[in-house]
Amino acid sequence: MFVRHPDEFDAERKGKGVVGDAVFQAADNPNDVTAWHDFETLDSARRFIDSERLRDVMTGAGVAGVPTIWLTTPA
């Protein structure tokens, strides 16, 4: 299934464990985008980032190249 707009993926993200999210653009480069997702568990985060569906959605949204992904916890 092709997603025309990333917001159409919202319900699927929640079903994959996302409990919070936001998207930011660099002030001087709208093509430099940071997406933040919060998960209840590290395992659900790993399953999400490893999913083929996420790769398909990113490709459909125009993501070029391999994104940088950080797994972090609150300090």
PDB file of N, CA and C in Angstrom:
ATOM      1  N   MET A   1       0.836  -1.173   0.000  1.00  0.00           N
ATOM      2  CA  MET A   1       0.000   0.000   0.000  1.00  0.00           C
ATOM      3  C   MET A   1       0.881   1.237   0.000  1.00  0.00           C
ATOM      4  N   PHE A   2       0.643   2.144  -0.925  1.00  0.00           N
ATOM      5  CA  PHE A   2       1.402   3.378  -1.040  1.00  0.00           C
ATOM      6  C   PHE A   2       0.772   4.431  -0.144  1.00  0.00           C
ATOM      7  N   VAL A   3       1.576   5.173   0.567  1.00  0.00           N
ATOM      8  CA  VAL A   3       1.094   6.252   1.427  1.00  0.00           C
ATOM      9  C   VAL A   3       1.403   7.569   0.737  1.00  0.00           C
ATOM     10  N   ARG A   4       0.346   8.357   0.454  1.00  0.00           N
ATOM     11  CA  ARG A   4       0.548   9.626  -0.231  1.00  0.00           C
ATOM     12  C   ARG A   4       1.089  10.692   0.706  1.00  0.00           C
ATOM     13  N   HIS A   5       0.776  10.596   1.959  1.00  0.00           N
ATOM     14  CA  HIS A   5       1.230  11.571   2.949  1.00  0.00           C
ATOM     15  C   HIS A   5       1.599  10.808   4.217  1.00  0.00           C
ATOM     16  N   PRO A   6       2.717  11.173   4.846  1.00  0.00           N
ATOM     17  CA  PRO A   6       3.150  10.423   6.045  1.00  0.00           C
ATOM     18  C   PRO A   6       2.078  10.327   7.131  1.00  0.00           C
ATOM     19  N   ASP A   7       1.187  11.334   7.242  1.00  0.00           N
ATOM     20  CA  ASP A   7       0.135  11.281   8.263  1.00  0.00           C
ATOM     21  C   ASP A   7      -0.801  10.089   8.056  1.00  0.00           C
ATOM     22  N   GLU A   8      -0.895   9.598   6.823  1.00  0.00           N
ATOM     23  CA  GLU A   8      -1.740   8.435   6.553  1.00  0.00           C
ATOM     24  C   GLU A   8      -1.179   7.181   7.231  1.00  0.00           C
ATOM     25  N   PHE A   9       0.058   7.218   7.617  1.00  0.00           N
ATOM     26  CA  PHE A   9       0.725   6.097   8.279  1.00  0.00           C
ATOM     27  C   PHE A   9       0.521   6.144   9.791  1.00  0.00           C
ATOM     28  N   ASP A  10      -0.120   7.208  10.288  1.00  0.00           N
ATOM     29  CA  ASP A  10      -0.264   7.434  11.725  1.00  0.00           C
ATOM     30  C   ASP A  10      -0.903   6.259  12.448  1.00  0.00           C
ATOM     31  N   ALA A  11      -2.021   5.770  11.957  1.00  0.00           N
ATOM     32  CA  ALA A  11      -2.698   4.653  12.628  1.00  0.00           C
ATOM     33  C   ALA A  11      -1.822   3.403  12.644  1.00  0.00           C
ATOM     34  N   GLU A  12      -1.114   3.167  11.559  1.00  0.00           N
ATOM     35  CA  GLU A  12      -0.208   2.009  11.511  1.00  0.00           C
ATOM     36  C   GLU A  12       0.939   2.167  12.499  1.00  0.00           C
ATOM     37  N   ARG A  13       1.484   3.376  12.603  1.00  0.00           N
ATOM     38  CA  ARG A  13       2.580   3.614  13.561  1.00  0.00           C
ATOM     39  C   ARG A  13       2.119   3.272  14.967  1.00  0.00           C
ATOM     40  N   LYS A  14       0.939   3.714  15.339  1.00  0.00           N
ATOM     41  CA  LYS A  14       0.431   3.442  16.682  1.00  0.00           C
ATOM     42  C   LYS A  14       0.265   1.941  16.900  1.00  0.00           C
ATOM     43  N   GLY A  15      -0.160   1.230  15.867  1.00  0.00           N
ATOM     44  CA  GLY A  15      -0.292  -0.220  15.962  1.00  0.00           C
ATOM     45  C   GLY A  15       1.046  -0.933  16.060  1.00  0.00           C
ATOM     46  N   LYS A  16       2.105  -0.236  15.701  1.00  0.00           N
ATOM     47  CA  LYS A  16       3.452  -0.812  15.773  1.00  0.00           C
ATOM     48  C   LYS A  16       4.201  -0.342  17.023  1.00  0.00           C
ATOM     49  N   GLY A  17       3.466   0.250  17.984  1.00  0.00           N
ATOM     50  CA  GLY A  17       4.077   0.589  19.262  1.00  0.00           C
ATOM     51  C   GLY A  17       4.455   2.037  19.471  1.00  0.00           C
ATOM     52  N   VAL A  18       4.225   2.903  18.499  1.00  0.00           N
ATOM     53  CA  VAL A  18       4.566   4.315  18.655  1.00  0.00           C
ATOM     54  C   VAL A  18       3.567   4.965  19.609  1.00  0.00           C
ATOM     55  N   VAL A  19       4.082   5.610  20.669  1.00  0.00           N
ATOM     56  CA  VAL A  19       3.208   6.269  21.640  1.00  0.00           C
ATOM     57  C   VAL A  19       3.358   7.792  21.601  1.00  0.00           C
ATOM     58  N   GLY A  20       4.303   8.289  20.838  1.00  0.00           N
ATOM     59  CA  GLY A  20       4.492   9.724  20.661  1.00  0.00           C
ATOM     60  C   GLY A  20       5.375   9.958  19.460  1.00  0.00           C
ATOM     61  N   ASP A  21       5.139  11.076  18.759  1.00  0.00           N
ATOM     62  CA  ASP A  21       5.958  11.358  17.588  1.00  0.00           C
ATOM     63  C   ASP A  21       5.901  12.832  17.238  1.00  0.00           C
ATOM     64  N   ALA A  22       6.874  13.274  16.473  1.00  0.00           N
ATOM     65  CA  ALA A  22       6.933  14.633  15.947  1.00  0.00           C
ATOM     66  C   ALA A  22       7.870  14.630  14.743  1.00  0.00           C
ATOM     67  N   VAL A  23       7.698  15.622  13.877  1.00  0.00           N
ATOM     68  CA  VAL A  23       8.564  15.770  12.711  1.00  0.00           C
ATOM     69  C   VAL A  23       9.071  17.206  12.682  1.00  0.00           C
ATOM     70  N   PHE A  24      10.358  17.368  12.421  1.00  0.00           N
ATOM     71  CA  PHE A  24      10.997  18.680  12.390  1.00  0.00           C
ATOM     72  C   PHE A  24      11.741  18.849  11.073  1.00  0.00           C
ATOM     73  N   GLN A  25      11.802  20.104  10.586  1.00  0.00           N
ATOM     74  CA  GLN A  25      12.618  20.447   9.425  1.00  0.00           C
ATOM     75  C   GLN A  25      13.684  21.427   9.876  1.00  0.00           C
ATOM     76  N   ALA A  26      14.882  21.302   9.310  1.00  0.00           N
ATOM     77  CA  ALA A  26      15.938  22.264   9.600  1.00  0.00           C
ATOM     78  C   ALA A  26      15.474  23.642   9.132  1.00  0.00           C
ATOM     79  N   ALA A  27      15.761  24.667   9.923  1.00  0.00           N
ATOM     80  CA  ALA A  27      15.308  26.026   9.609  1.00  0.00           C
ATOM     81  C   ALA A  27      15.843  26.523   8.270  1.00  0.00           C
ATOM     82  N   ASP A  28      17.024  26.067   7.885  1.00  0.00           N
ATOM     83  CA  ASP A  28      17.629  26.549   6.642  1.00  0.00           C
ATOM     84  C   ASP A  28      17.619  25.528   5.507  1.00  0.00           C
ATOM     85  N   ASN A  29      17.000  24.361   5.739  1.00  0.00           N
ATOM     86  CA  ASN A  29      16.948  23.342   4.684  1.00  0.00           C
ATOM     87  C   ASN A  29      15.731  22.452   4.898  1.00  0.00           C
ATOM     88  N   PRO A  30      14.633  22.717   4.188  1.00  0.00           N
ATOM     89  CA  PRO A  30      13.426  21.918   4.391  1.00  0.00           C
ATOM     90  C   PRO A  30      13.574  20.455   3.987  1.00  0.00           C
ATOM     91  N   ASN A  31      14.649  20.107   3.281  1.00  0.00           N
ATOM     92  CA  ASN A  31      14.894  18.710   2.922  1.00  0.00           C
ATOM     93  C   ASN A  31      15.613  17.942   4.015  1.00  0.00           C
ATOM     94  N   ASP A  32      16.061  18.644   5.054  1.00  0.00           N
ATOM     95  CA  ASP A  32      16.719  18.023   6.209  1.00  0.00           C
ATOM     96  C   ASP A  32      15.645  17.815   7.273  1.00  0.00           C
ATOM     97  N   VAL A  33      15.164  16.590   7.383  1.00  0.00           N
ATOM     98  CA  VAL A  33      14.015  16.288   8.239  1.00  0.00           C
ATOM     99  C   VAL A  33      14.427  15.336   9.354  1.00  0.00           C
ATOM    100  N   THR A  34      13.940  15.610  10.544  1.00  0.00           N
ATOM    101  CA  THR A  34      14.136  14.731  11.689  1.00  0.00           C
ATOM    102  C   THR A  34      12.775  14.251  12.158  1.00  0.00           C
ATOM    103  N   ALA A  35      12.596  12.947  12.241  1.00  0.00           N
ATOM    104  CA  ALA A  35      11.361  12.366  12.771  1.00  0.00           C
ATOM    105  C   ALA A  35      11.688  11.737  14.113  1.00  0.00           C
ATOM    106  N   TRP A  36      10.888  12.032  15.116  1.00  0.00           N
ATOM    107  CA  TRP A  36      11.071  11.507  16.465  1.00  0.00           C
ATOM    108  C   TRP A  36       9.898  10.600  16.785  1.00  0.00           C
ATOM    109  N   HIS A  37      10.176   9.431  17.323  1.00  0.00           N
ATOM    110  CA  HIS A  37       9.140   8.488  17.749  1.00  0.00           C
ATOM    111  C   HIS A  37       9.472   8.003  19.157  1.00  0.00           C
ATOM    112  N   ASP A  38       8.450   7.896  19.966  1.00  0.00           N
ATOM    113  CA  ASP A  38       8.609   7.391  21.330  1.00  0.00           C
ATOM    114  C   ASP A  38       7.899   6.044  21.409  1.00  0.00           C
ATOM    115  N   PHE A  39       8.503   5.098  22.110  1.00  0.00           N
ATOM    116  CA  PHE A  39       7.967   3.746  22.247  1.00  0.00           C
ATOM    117  C   PHE A  39       7.924   3.351  23.712  1.00  0.00           C
ATOM    118  N   GLU A  40       7.045   2.439  24.053  1.00  0.00           N
ATOM    119  CA  GLU A  40       6.996   1.943  25.427  1.00  0.00           C
ATOM    120  C   GLU A  40       8.177   1.041  25.738  1.00  0.00           C
ATOM    121  N   THR A  41       8.674   0.304  24.734  1.00  0.00           N
ATOM    122  CA  THR A  41       9.801  -0.603  24.963  1.00  0.00           C
ATOM    123  C   THR A  41      10.835  -0.470  23.846  1.00  0.00           C
ATOM    124  N   LEU A  42      12.058  -0.813  24.183  1.00  0.00           N
ATOM    125  CA  LEU A  42      13.132  -0.814  23.197  1.00  0.00           C
ATOM    126  C   LEU A  42      12.870  -1.868  22.121  1.00  0.00           C
ATOM    127  N   ASP A  43      12.306  -3.004  22.516  1.00  0.00           N
ATOM    128  CA  ASP A  43      11.997  -4.062  21.543  1.00  0.00           C
ATOM    129  C   ASP A  43      10.995  -3.589  20.501  1.00  0.00           C
ATOM    130  N   SER A  44       9.960  -2.851  20.923  1.00  0.00           N
ATOM    131  CA  SER A  44       8.977  -2.371  19.942  1.00  0.00           C
ATOM    132  C   SER A  44       9.622  -1.340  19.016  1.00  0.00           C
ATOM    133  N   ALA A  45      10.551  -0.550  19.524  1.00  0.00           N
ATOM    134  CA  ALA A  45      11.270   0.407  18.672  1.00  0.00           C
ATOM    135  C   ALA A  45      12.097  -0.334  17.630  1.00  0.00           C
ATOM    136  N   ARG A  46      12.786  -1.368  18.053  1.00  0.00           N
ATOM    137  CA  ARG A  46      13.611  -2.137  17.108  1.00  0.00           C
ATOM    138  C   ARG A  46      12.761  -2.818  16.040  1.00  0.00           C
ATOM    139  N   ARG A  47      11.631  -3.385  16.446  1.00  0.00           N
ATOM    140  CA  ARG A  47      10.743  -4.012  15.456  1.00  0.00           C
ATOM    141  C   ARG A  47      10.236  -2.978  14.451  1.00  0.00           C
ATOM    142  N   PHE A  48       9.915  -1.800  14.928  1.00  0.00           N
ATOM    143  CA  PHE A  48       9.431  -0.735  14.049  1.00  0.00           C
ATOM    144  C   PHE A  48      10.493  -0.345  13.029  1.00  0.00           C
ATOM    145  N   ILE A  49      11.711  -0.071  13.496  1.00  0.00           N
ATOM    146  CA  ILE A  49      12.739   0.390  12.556  1.00  0.00           C
ATOM    147  C   ILE A  49      13.219  -0.714  11.622  1.00  0.00           C
ATOM    148  N   ASP A  50      13.011  -1.965  11.999  1.00  0.00           N
ATOM    149  CA  ASP A  50      13.399  -3.087  11.142  1.00  0.00           C
ATOM    150  C   ASP A  50      12.292  -3.501  10.169  1.00  0.00           C
ATOM    151  N   SER A  51      11.119  -2.878  10.262  1.00  0.00           N
ATOM    152  CA  SER A  51       9.988  -3.332   9.452  1.00  0.00           C
ATOM    153  C   SER A  51      10.114  -2.908   7.991  1.00  0.00           C
ATOM    154  N   GLU A  52       9.772  -3.812   7.134  1.00  0.00           N
ATOM    155  CA  GLU A  52       9.766  -3.524   5.698  1.00  0.00           C
ATOM    156  C   GLU A  52       8.732  -2.448   5.384  1.00  0.00           C
ATOM    157  N   ARG A  53       7.633  -2.440   6.113  1.00  0.00           N
ATOM    158  CA  ARG A  53       6.590  -1.441   5.892  1.00  0.00           C
ATOM    159  C   ARG A  53       7.126  -0.034   6.114  1.00  0.00           C
ATOM    160  N   LEU A  54       7.923   0.168   7.143  1.00  0.00           N
ATOM    161  CA  LEU A  54       8.504   1.489   7.386  1.00  0.00           C
ATOM    162  C   LEU A  54       9.394   1.891   6.219  1.00  0.00           C
ATOM    163  N   ARG A  55      10.207   0.976   5.722  1.00  0.00           N
ATOM    164  CA  ARG A  55      11.061   1.287   4.569  1.00  0.00           C
ATOM    165  C   ARG A  55      10.218   1.671   3.362  1.00  0.00           C
ATOM    166  N   ASP A  56       9.114   0.952   3.134  1.00  0.00           N
ATOM    167  CA  ASP A  56       8.234   1.273   2.005  1.00  0.00           C
ATOM    168  C   ASP A  56       7.630   2.669   2.144  1.00  0.00           C
ATOM    169  N   VAL A  57       7.185   3.003   3.342  1.00  0.00           N
ATOM    170  CA  VAL A  57       6.581   4.316   3.582  1.00  0.00           C
ATOM    171  C   VAL A  57       7.613   5.428   3.404  1.00  0.00           C
ATOM    172  N   MET A  58       8.822   5.219   3.921  1.00  0.00           N
ATOM    173  CA  MET A  58       9.864   6.237   3.766  1.00  0.00           C
ATOM    174  C   MET A  58      10.209   6.443   2.295  1.00  0.00           C
ATOM    175  N   THR A  59      10.315   5.364   1.547  1.00  0.00           N
ATOM    176  CA  THR A  59      10.604   5.476   0.118  1.00  0.00           C
ATOM    177  C   THR A  59       9.478   6.230  -0.584  1.00  0.00           C
ATOM    178  N   GLY A  60       8.235   5.873  -0.264  1.00  0.00           N
ATOM    179  CA  GLY A  60       7.090   6.550  -0.871  1.00  0.00           C
ATOM    180  C   GLY A  60       7.015   8.021  -0.508  1.00  0.00           C
ATOM    181  N   ALA A  61       7.547   8.384   0.657  1.00  0.00           N
ATOM    182  CA  ALA A  61       7.541   9.783   1.103  1.00  0.00           C
ATOM    183  C   ALA A  61       8.720  10.570   0.536  1.00  0.00           C
ATOM    184  N   GLY A  62       9.612   9.886  -0.192  1.00  0.00           N
ATOM    185  CA  GLY A  62      10.727  10.577  -0.825  1.00  0.00           C
ATOM    186  C   GLY A  62      12.027  10.568  -0.049  1.00  0.00           C
ATOM    187  N   VAL A  63      12.122   9.727   0.974  1.00  0.00           N
ATOM    188  CA  VAL A  63      13.378   9.639   1.728  1.00  0.00           C
ATOM    189  C   VAL A  63      14.461   9.101   0.790  1.00  0.00           C
ATOM    190  N   ALA A  64      15.550   9.848   0.683  1.00  0.00           N
ATOM    191  CA  ALA A  64      16.663   9.442  -0.180  1.00  0.00           C
ATOM    192  C   ALA A  64      17.819   8.998   0.695  1.00  0.00           C
ATOM    193  N   GLY A  65      18.386   7.865   0.371  1.00  0.00           N
ATOM    194  CA  GLY A  65      19.531   7.378   1.128  1.00  0.00           C
ATOM    195  C   GLY A  65      19.108   6.656   2.395  1.00  0.00           C
ATOM    196  N   VAL A  66      20.095   6.288   3.170  1.00  0.00           N
ATOM    197  CA  VAL A  66      19.866   5.554   4.414  1.00  0.00           C
ATOM    198  C   VAL A  66      19.752   6.561   5.553  1.00  0.00           C
ATOM    199  N   PRO A  67      18.654   6.538   6.290  1.00  0.00           N
ATOM    200  CA  PRO A  67      18.511   7.498   7.395  1.00  0.00           C
ATOM    201  C   PRO A  67      19.411   7.133   8.566  1.00  0.00           C
ATOM    202  N   THR A  68      19.757   8.134   9.349  1.00  0.00           N
ATOM    203  CA  THR A  68      20.475   7.912  10.600  1.00  0.00           C
ATOM    204  C   THR A  68      19.424   7.654  11.684  1.00  0.00           C
ATOM    205  N   ILE A  69      19.554   6.550  12.403  1.00  0.00           N
ATOM    206  CA  ILE A  69      18.586   6.202  13.440  1.00  0.00           C
ATOM    207  C   ILE A  69      19.329   6.053  14.761  1.00  0.00           C
ATOM    208  N   TRP A  70      18.835   6.754  15.778  1.00  0.00           N
ATOM    209  CA  TRP A  70      19.396   6.661  17.127  1.00  0.00           C
ATOM    210  C   TRP A  70      18.361   6.051  18.031  1.00  0.00           C
ATOM    211  N   LEU A  71      18.766   5.096  18.840  1.00  0.00           N
ATOM    212  CA  LEU A  71      17.918   4.539  19.900  1.00  0.00           C
ATOM    213  C   LEU A  71      18.445   5.136  21.197  1.00  0.00           C
ATOM    214  N   THR A  72      17.601   5.877  21.896  1.00  0.00           N
ATOM    215  CA  THR A  72      18.018   6.554  23.120  1.00  0.00           C
ATOM    216  C   THR A  72      17.030   6.302  24.248  1.00  0.00           C
ATOM    217  N   THR A  73      17.447   6.603  25.452  1.00  0.00           N
ATOM    218  CA  THR A  73      16.571   6.567  26.617  1.00  0.00           C
ATOM    219  C   THR A  73      16.751   7.881  27.369  1.00  0.00           C
ATOM    220  N   PRO A  74      15.748   8.280  28.161  1.00  0.00           N
ATOM    221  CA  PRO A  74      15.895   9.534  28.928  1.00  0.00           C
ATOM    222  C   PRO A  74      17.087   9.454  29.882  1.00  0.00           C
ATOM    223  N   ALA A  75      17.788  10.539  30.009  1.00  0.00           N
ATOM    224  CA  ALA A  75      18.949  10.604  30.908  1.00  0.00           C
ATOM    225  C   ALA A  75      18.508  10.979  32.313  1.00  0.00           C
TER     226      ALA A  75
END
